[in-house]
Amino acid sequence: MRRSFGVLLALVLTAAVSLSAQFGHPLKGTWSGQWGPAATPKRLLLDLQWDGKAITGSINPGEESAVVKNVTFDYTDPTKWKVTIEADGKDPAGKPLKIVANGILENLGSYYKVFHGTWTEGTQKGDFTVTRN
């Protein structure tokens, strides 16, 4: 009986480790949504990777991309993480443009997580919402 329980426990633990390894960090992945005033929203795409130590990636990959420089977390509430993403981009004239997203990461146990809050791009500020694809 003990041996059967041990085998069953080993199978359950192996399955749990396999499932968590498939998802990696909760912020990892491709996210899409929008930011800005409701009357004139701007499309938003985040492509974020996890190297085991830090989140890296880009915002709006392509010609107008911004490189993610720093990501910080506040894990005080285990169901909602406070997240700040800082990135360096360029304005239409090619001048440096700082981007900061301050928000809440929700639905941590789900594949389709939601990240929303305040988006600041240079002197422009607005709300944002993205969902992991």
N, C-alpha and C. Protein backbone atom coordinates (compact mmCIF):
# COMPACT_ATOMS: atom_id res chain seq x y z
N MET A 1 0.82 -1.19 0.00
CA MET A 1 0.00 0.00 0.00
C MET A 1 0.86 1.26 0.00
N ARG A 2 1.91 1.27 0.85
CA ARG A 2 2.80 2.43 0.89
C ARG A 2 3.50 2.64 -0.44
N ARG A 3 3.88 1.55 -1.07
CA ARG A 3 4.58 1.65 -2.36
C ARG A 3 3.65 2.26 -3.41
N SER A 4 2.39 1.84 -3.45
CA SER A 4 1.42 2.39 -4.40
C SER A 4 1.22 3.88 -4.16
N PHE A 5 1.13 4.27 -2.88
CA PHE A 5 0.98 5.68 -2.56
C PHE A 5 2.20 6.47 -3.02
N GLY A 6 3.39 5.92 -2.81
CA GLY A 6 4.63 6.58 -3.23
C GLY A 6 4.69 6.77 -4.73
N VAL A 7 4.28 5.76 -5.49
CA VAL A 7 4.27 5.84 -6.95
C VAL A 7 3.26 6.89 -7.40
N LEU A 8 2.08 6.88 -6.79
CA LEU A 8 1.04 7.85 -7.13
C LEU A 8 1.51 9.27 -6.82
N LEU A 9 2.13 9.47 -5.68
CA LEU A 9 2.65 10.78 -5.30
C LEU A 9 3.71 11.24 -6.29
N ALA A 10 4.60 10.35 -6.69
CA ALA A 10 5.64 10.69 -7.67
C ALA A 10 5.03 11.10 -9.00
N LEU A 11 3.99 10.42 -9.44
CA LEU A 11 3.32 10.77 -10.70
C LEU A 11 2.65 12.14 -10.61
N VAL A 12 1.98 12.40 -9.51
CA VAL A 12 1.32 13.70 -9.33
C VAL A 12 2.35 14.83 -9.31
N LEU A 13 3.43 14.67 -8.59
CA LEU A 13 4.48 15.70 -8.53
C LEU A 13 5.13 15.91 -9.90
N THR A 14 5.38 14.84 -10.63
CA THR A 14 5.96 14.95 -11.97
C THR A 14 5.04 15.73 -12.89
N ALA A 15 3.74 15.43 -12.83
CA ALA A 15 2.77 16.15 -13.66
C ALA A 15 2.72 17.63 -13.29
N ALA A 16 2.76 17.94 -12.01
CA ALA A 16 2.73 19.34 -11.57
C ALA A 16 3.95 20.10 -12.05
N VAL A 17 5.11 19.50 -11.96
CA VAL A 17 6.34 20.14 -12.42
C VAL A 17 6.30 20.35 -13.92
N SER A 18 5.80 19.37 -14.66
CA SER A 18 5.72 19.49 -16.12
C SER A 18 4.79 20.62 -16.53
N LEU A 19 3.64 20.74 -15.86
CA LEU A 19 2.71 21.80 -16.19
C LEU A 19 3.28 23.17 -15.90
N SER A 20 3.93 23.35 -14.76
CA SER A 20 4.48 24.66 -14.43
C SER A 20 5.64 25.00 -15.35
N ALA A 21 6.39 24.03 -15.80
CA ALA A 21 7.52 24.28 -16.70
C ALA A 21 7.04 24.75 -18.06
N GLN A 22 5.83 24.35 -18.48
CA GLN A 22 5.31 24.74 -19.77
C GLN A 22 5.01 26.23 -19.82
N PHE A 23 4.57 26.81 -18.71
CA PHE A 23 4.17 28.21 -18.71
C PHE A 23 5.32 29.15 -18.39
N GLY A 24 6.27 28.73 -17.55
CA GLY A 24 7.38 29.60 -17.18
C GLY A 24 6.90 30.76 -16.33
N HIS A 25 7.50 31.92 -16.50
CA HIS A 25 7.15 33.12 -15.74
C HIS A 25 5.78 33.65 -16.18
N PRO A 26 4.96 34.12 -15.25
CA PRO A 26 3.62 34.60 -15.61
C PRO A 26 3.60 35.76 -16.61
N LEU A 27 4.68 36.52 -16.73
CA LEU A 27 4.70 37.65 -17.66
C LEU A 27 5.25 37.27 -19.03
N LYS A 28 5.84 36.09 -19.14
CA LYS A 28 6.42 35.63 -20.40
C LYS A 28 5.34 35.42 -21.45
N GLY A 29 5.62 35.85 -22.68
CA GLY A 29 4.70 35.60 -23.78
C GLY A 29 4.45 36.83 -24.61
N THR A 30 3.52 36.69 -25.54
CA THR A 30 3.11 37.79 -26.41
C THR A 30 1.77 38.32 -25.90
N TRP A 31 1.71 39.62 -25.74
CA TRP A 31 0.54 40.29 -25.19
C TRP A 31 0.03 41.31 -26.21
N SER A 32 -1.27 41.43 -26.35
CA SER A 32 -1.80 42.44 -27.27
C SER A 32 -2.96 43.17 -26.61
N GLY A 33 -3.13 44.43 -27.03
CA GLY A 33 -4.20 45.26 -26.49
C GLY A 33 -4.06 46.68 -26.99
N GLN A 34 -4.34 47.63 -26.11
CA GLN A 34 -4.27 49.04 -26.51
C GLN A 34 -3.99 49.94 -25.31
N TRP A 35 -3.60 51.18 -25.62
CA TRP A 35 -3.38 52.18 -24.58
C TRP A 35 -3.82 53.52 -25.12
N GLY A 36 -4.03 54.47 -24.20
CA GLY A 36 -4.37 55.83 -24.57
C GLY A 36 -5.80 56.17 -24.26
N PRO A 37 -6.23 57.35 -24.66
CA PRO A 37 -7.61 57.77 -24.42
C PRO A 37 -8.59 56.87 -25.19
N ALA A 38 -9.78 56.66 -24.63
CA ALA A 38 -10.77 55.79 -25.27
C ALA A 38 -11.14 56.28 -26.67
N ALA A 39 -11.11 57.60 -26.89
CA ALA A 39 -11.48 58.16 -28.19
C ALA A 39 -10.45 57.86 -29.27
N THR A 40 -9.18 57.76 -28.88
CA THR A 40 -8.11 57.52 -29.86
C THR A 40 -7.11 56.49 -29.33
N PRO A 41 -7.55 55.25 -29.11
CA PRO A 41 -6.62 54.25 -28.56
C PRO A 41 -5.53 53.87 -29.58
N LYS A 42 -4.40 53.46 -29.04
CA LYS A 42 -3.27 53.02 -29.87
C LYS A 42 -3.07 51.53 -29.63
N ARG A 43 -2.79 50.79 -30.69
CA ARG A 43 -2.53 49.36 -30.54
C ARG A 43 -1.24 49.15 -29.78
N LEU A 44 -1.19 48.05 -29.06
CA LEU A 44 -0.05 47.76 -28.20
C LEU A 44 0.27 46.27 -28.28
N LEU A 45 1.54 45.95 -28.50
CA LEU A 45 2.00 44.57 -28.52
C LEU A 45 3.26 44.46 -27.67
N LEU A 46 3.24 43.55 -26.70
CA LEU A 46 4.40 43.27 -25.87
C LEU A 46 4.90 41.88 -26.19
N ASP A 47 6.19 41.73 -26.41
CA ASP A 47 6.82 40.43 -26.63
C ASP A 47 7.86 40.26 -25.53
N LEU A 48 7.52 39.45 -24.52
CA LEU A 48 8.36 39.36 -23.32
C LEU A 48 8.91 37.95 -23.15
N GLN A 49 10.19 37.86 -22.79
CA GLN A 49 10.86 36.59 -22.54
C GLN A 49 11.35 36.53 -21.10
N TRP A 50 11.58 35.32 -20.63
CA TRP A 50 12.10 35.07 -19.28
C TRP A 50 13.33 34.19 -19.45
N ASP A 51 14.50 34.64 -18.97
CA ASP A 51 15.73 33.86 -19.09
C ASP A 51 16.08 33.11 -17.81
N GLY A 52 15.15 33.08 -16.87
CA GLY A 52 15.38 32.44 -15.59
C GLY A 52 15.81 33.43 -14.52
N LYS A 53 16.17 34.64 -14.93
CA LYS A 53 16.60 35.66 -13.99
C LYS A 53 15.89 36.99 -14.19
N ALA A 54 15.60 37.32 -15.45
CA ALA A 54 15.02 38.63 -15.75
C ALA A 54 14.07 38.55 -16.93
N ILE A 55 13.13 39.49 -16.96
CA ILE A 55 12.23 39.65 -18.10
C ILE A 55 12.91 40.60 -19.08
N THR A 56 12.96 40.21 -20.34
CA THR A 56 13.49 41.05 -21.40
C THR A 56 12.45 41.07 -22.52
N GLY A 57 12.68 41.86 -23.54
CA GLY A 57 11.77 41.82 -24.67
C GLY A 57 11.64 43.16 -25.36
N SER A 58 10.52 43.31 -26.07
CA SER A 58 10.29 44.53 -26.82
C SER A 58 8.81 44.91 -26.79
N ILE A 59 8.59 46.18 -27.04
CA ILE A 59 7.25 46.74 -27.14
C ILE A 59 7.04 47.11 -28.59
N ASN A 60 5.92 46.70 -29.16
CA ASN A 60 5.61 46.94 -30.56
C ASN A 60 6.78 46.57 -31.47
N PRO A 61 7.16 45.28 -31.49
CA PRO A 61 8.28 44.85 -32.34
C PRO A 61 8.10 45.34 -33.78
N GLY A 62 9.20 45.70 -34.40
CA GLY A 62 9.18 46.23 -35.76
C GLY A 62 9.91 47.55 -35.83
N GLU A 63 9.53 48.38 -36.79
CA GLU A 63 10.22 49.65 -36.99
C GLU A 63 10.08 50.61 -35.81
N GLU A 64 8.98 50.54 -35.09
CA GLU A 64 8.75 51.45 -33.97
C GLU A 64 8.94 50.77 -32.62
N SER A 65 9.80 49.78 -32.57
CA SER A 65 9.95 49.00 -31.34
C SER A 65 10.70 49.76 -30.25
N ALA A 66 10.42 49.36 -29.04
CA ALA A 66 11.13 49.88 -27.86
C ALA A 66 11.68 48.67 -27.12
N VAL A 67 12.87 48.80 -26.58
CA VAL A 67 13.54 47.70 -25.88
C VAL A 67 13.23 47.78 -24.39
N VAL A 68 12.75 46.67 -23.84
CA VAL A 68 12.47 46.60 -22.41
C VAL A 68 13.79 46.63 -21.66
N LYS A 69 13.94 47.57 -20.75
CA LYS A 69 15.19 47.75 -20.00
C LYS A 69 15.09 47.23 -18.57
N ASN A 70 13.90 47.35 -17.96
CA ASN A 70 13.78 46.96 -16.55
C ASN A 70 12.33 46.57 -16.26
N VAL A 71 12.17 45.49 -15.48
CA VAL A 71 10.85 45.06 -15.04
C VAL A 71 10.94 44.78 -13.55
N THR A 72 10.04 45.39 -12.77
CA THR A 72 10.01 45.15 -11.32
C THR A 72 8.63 44.65 -10.93
N PHE A 73 8.61 43.88 -9.83
CA PHE A 73 7.37 43.26 -9.35
C PHE A 73 7.16 43.56 -7.88
N ASP A 74 5.88 43.63 -7.49
CA ASP A 74 5.48 43.67 -6.08
C ASP A 74 4.54 42.49 -5.90
N TYR A 75 5.03 41.46 -5.17
CA TYR A 75 4.28 40.22 -4.96
C TYR A 75 3.45 40.25 -3.68
N THR A 76 3.18 41.41 -3.10
CA THR A 76 2.47 41.50 -1.83
C THR A 76 1.14 40.73 -1.86
N ASP A 77 0.38 40.89 -2.92
CA ASP A 77 -0.88 40.17 -3.09
C ASP A 77 -0.62 39.02 -4.06
N PRO A 78 -0.69 37.76 -3.62
CA PRO A 78 -0.37 36.64 -4.48
C PRO A 78 -1.34 36.44 -5.65
N THR A 79 -2.50 37.10 -5.64
CA THR A 79 -3.45 36.96 -6.74
C THR A 79 -3.31 38.05 -7.79
N LYS A 80 -2.67 39.15 -7.42
CA LYS A 80 -2.47 40.28 -8.34
C LYS A 80 -1.08 40.84 -8.10
N TRP A 81 -0.26 40.82 -9.12
CA TRP A 81 1.09 41.38 -8.98
C TRP A 81 1.10 42.80 -9.52
N LYS A 82 1.75 43.70 -8.78
CA LYS A 82 2.01 45.04 -9.30
C LYS A 82 3.28 44.94 -10.13
N VAL A 83 3.22 45.44 -11.35
CA VAL A 83 4.34 45.33 -12.28
C VAL A 83 4.66 46.69 -12.87
N THR A 84 5.95 46.99 -12.99
CA THR A 84 6.41 48.18 -13.69
C THR A 84 7.37 47.74 -14.79
N ILE A 85 7.08 48.16 -16.00
CA ILE A 85 7.95 47.89 -17.14
C ILE A 85 8.50 49.22 -17.63
N GLU A 86 9.82 49.28 -17.78
CA GLU A 86 10.47 50.48 -18.33
C GLU A 86 11.14 50.10 -19.63
N ALA A 87 10.98 50.95 -20.64
CA ALA A 87 11.56 50.67 -21.95
C ALA A 87 12.10 51.94 -22.58
N ASP A 88 13.03 51.76 -23.50
CA ASP A 88 13.59 52.87 -24.27
C ASP A 88 13.16 52.73 -25.72
N GLY A 89 12.48 53.77 -26.21
CA GLY A 89 12.06 53.80 -27.60
C GLY A 89 12.51 55.08 -28.25
N LYS A 90 11.89 55.40 -29.39
CA LYS A 90 12.20 56.63 -30.11
C LYS A 90 10.91 57.27 -30.57
N ASP A 91 10.88 58.61 -30.53
CA ASP A 91 9.70 59.32 -31.03
C ASP A 91 9.76 59.36 -32.55
N PRO A 92 8.74 59.91 -33.22
CA PRO A 92 8.75 59.95 -34.69
C PRO A 92 9.95 60.67 -35.29
N ALA A 93 10.57 61.59 -34.54
CA ALA A 93 11.75 62.31 -35.03
C ALA A 93 13.04 61.55 -34.75
N GLY A 94 12.94 60.39 -34.06
CA GLY A 94 14.12 59.58 -33.77
C GLY A 94 14.79 59.92 -32.45
N LYS A 95 14.19 60.81 -31.68
CA LYS A 95 14.75 61.18 -30.38
C LYS A 95 14.38 60.12 -29.34
N PRO A 96 15.22 59.95 -28.31
CA PRO A 96 14.92 58.97 -27.26
C PRO A 96 13.58 59.24 -26.58
N LEU A 97 12.86 58.16 -26.28
CA LEU A 97 11.55 58.25 -25.69
C LEU A 97 11.44 57.20 -24.60
N LYS A 98 11.19 57.64 -23.37
CA LYS A 98 11.05 56.71 -22.26
C LYS A 98 9.60 56.24 -22.17
N ILE A 99 9.43 54.93 -21.99
CA ILE A 99 8.11 54.33 -21.85
C ILE A 99 8.05 53.64 -20.50
N VAL A 100 6.96 53.87 -19.76
CA VAL A 100 6.77 53.22 -18.46
C VAL A 100 5.34 52.71 -18.38
N ALA A 101 5.20 51.45 -18.03
CA ALA A 101 3.89 50.84 -17.80
C ALA A 101 3.82 50.44 -16.33
N ASN A 102 2.89 51.02 -15.59
CA ASN A 102 2.63 50.66 -14.19
C ASN A 102 1.28 49.99 -14.16
N GLY A 103 1.25 48.73 -13.74
CA GLY A 103 -0.03 48.06 -13.77
C GLY A 103 -0.14 46.86 -12.85
N ILE A 104 -1.24 46.17 -13.02
CA ILE A 104 -1.57 44.99 -12.24
C ILE A 104 -1.64 43.80 -13.19
N LEU A 105 -0.97 42.71 -12.83
CA LEU A 105 -1.04 41.46 -13.58
C LEU A 105 -2.02 40.56 -12.84
N GLU A 106 -3.11 40.19 -13.52
CA GLU A 106 -4.16 39.38 -12.90
C GLU A 106 -4.35 38.05 -13.63
N ASN A 107 -5.15 37.18 -13.02
CA ASN A 107 -5.41 35.83 -13.55
C ASN A 107 -4.12 35.03 -13.64
N LEU A 108 -3.30 35.10 -12.59
CA LEU A 108 -1.99 34.47 -12.60
C LEU A 108 -2.02 32.97 -12.88
N GLY A 109 -3.06 32.28 -12.48
CA GLY A 109 -3.14 30.84 -12.70
C GLY A 109 -3.65 30.46 -14.07
N SER A 110 -4.08 31.42 -14.86
CA SER A 110 -4.65 31.17 -16.17
C SER A 110 -3.63 31.45 -17.26
N TYR A 111 -3.77 30.79 -18.40
CA TYR A 111 -2.90 31.10 -19.53
C TYR A 111 -3.22 32.50 -20.05
N TYR A 112 -4.51 32.86 -20.09
CA TYR A 112 -4.93 34.17 -20.62
C TYR A 112 -4.94 35.21 -19.51
N LYS A 113 -3.76 35.67 -19.17
CA LYS A 113 -3.61 36.66 -18.11
C LYS A 113 -3.95 38.05 -18.64
N VAL A 114 -4.25 38.97 -17.73
CA VAL A 114 -4.56 40.35 -18.08
C VAL A 114 -3.59 41.26 -17.34
N PHE A 115 -3.02 42.22 -18.06
CA PHE A 115 -2.12 43.21 -17.50
C PHE A 115 -2.71 44.57 -17.87
N HIS A 116 -3.00 45.41 -16.86
CA HIS A 116 -3.64 46.70 -17.12
C HIS A 116 -3.14 47.74 -16.11
N GLY A 117 -3.26 49.01 -16.51
CA GLY A 117 -2.83 50.08 -15.62
C GLY A 117 -2.63 51.38 -16.36
N THR A 118 -1.55 52.09 -16.02
CA THR A 118 -1.24 53.40 -16.61
C THR A 118 0.00 53.28 -17.49
N TRP A 119 -0.13 53.80 -18.71
CA TRP A 119 0.94 53.78 -19.70
C TRP A 119 1.43 55.20 -19.89
N THR A 120 2.75 55.42 -19.80
CA THR A 120 3.34 56.73 -20.05
C THR A 120 4.37 56.59 -21.16
N GLU A 121 4.20 57.39 -22.19
CA GLU A 121 5.11 57.36 -23.34
C GLU A 121 5.54 58.80 -23.61
N GLY A 122 6.75 59.12 -23.12
CA GLY A 122 7.20 60.51 -23.20
C GLY A 122 6.32 61.36 -22.30
N THR A 123 5.64 62.37 -22.90
CA THR A 123 4.76 63.23 -22.13
C THR A 123 3.29 62.78 -22.20
N GLN A 124 3.01 61.76 -23.01
CA GLN A 124 1.64 61.25 -23.14
C GLN A 124 1.37 60.20 -22.07
N LYS A 125 0.14 60.23 -21.55
CA LYS A 125 -0.22 59.28 -20.51
C LYS A 125 -1.64 58.79 -20.76
N GLY A 126 -1.88 57.52 -20.49
CA GLY A 126 -3.22 56.97 -20.66
C GLY A 126 -3.31 55.59 -20.03
N ASP A 127 -4.50 55.04 -20.03
CA ASP A 127 -4.70 53.70 -19.50
C ASP A 127 -4.32 52.68 -20.56
N PHE A 128 -3.95 51.47 -20.10
CA PHE A 128 -3.66 50.39 -21.03
C PHE A 128 -4.24 49.09 -20.51
N THR A 129 -4.52 48.19 -21.44
CA THR A 129 -4.93 46.82 -21.12
C THR A 129 -4.38 45.92 -22.20
N VAL A 130 -3.68 44.86 -21.79
CA VAL A 130 -3.21 43.84 -22.72
C VAL A 130 -3.57 42.47 -22.15
N THR A 131 -3.77 41.51 -23.05
CA THR A 131 -4.08 40.14 -22.69
C THR A 131 -3.05 39.24 -23.34
N ARG A 132 -2.60 38.23 -22.60
CA ARG A 132 -1.62 37.31 -23.18
C ARG A 132 -2.30 36.47 -24.24
N ASN A 133 -1.68 36.40 -25.41
CA ASN A 133 -2.22 35.64 -26.53
C ASN A 133 -1.93 34.16 -26.38
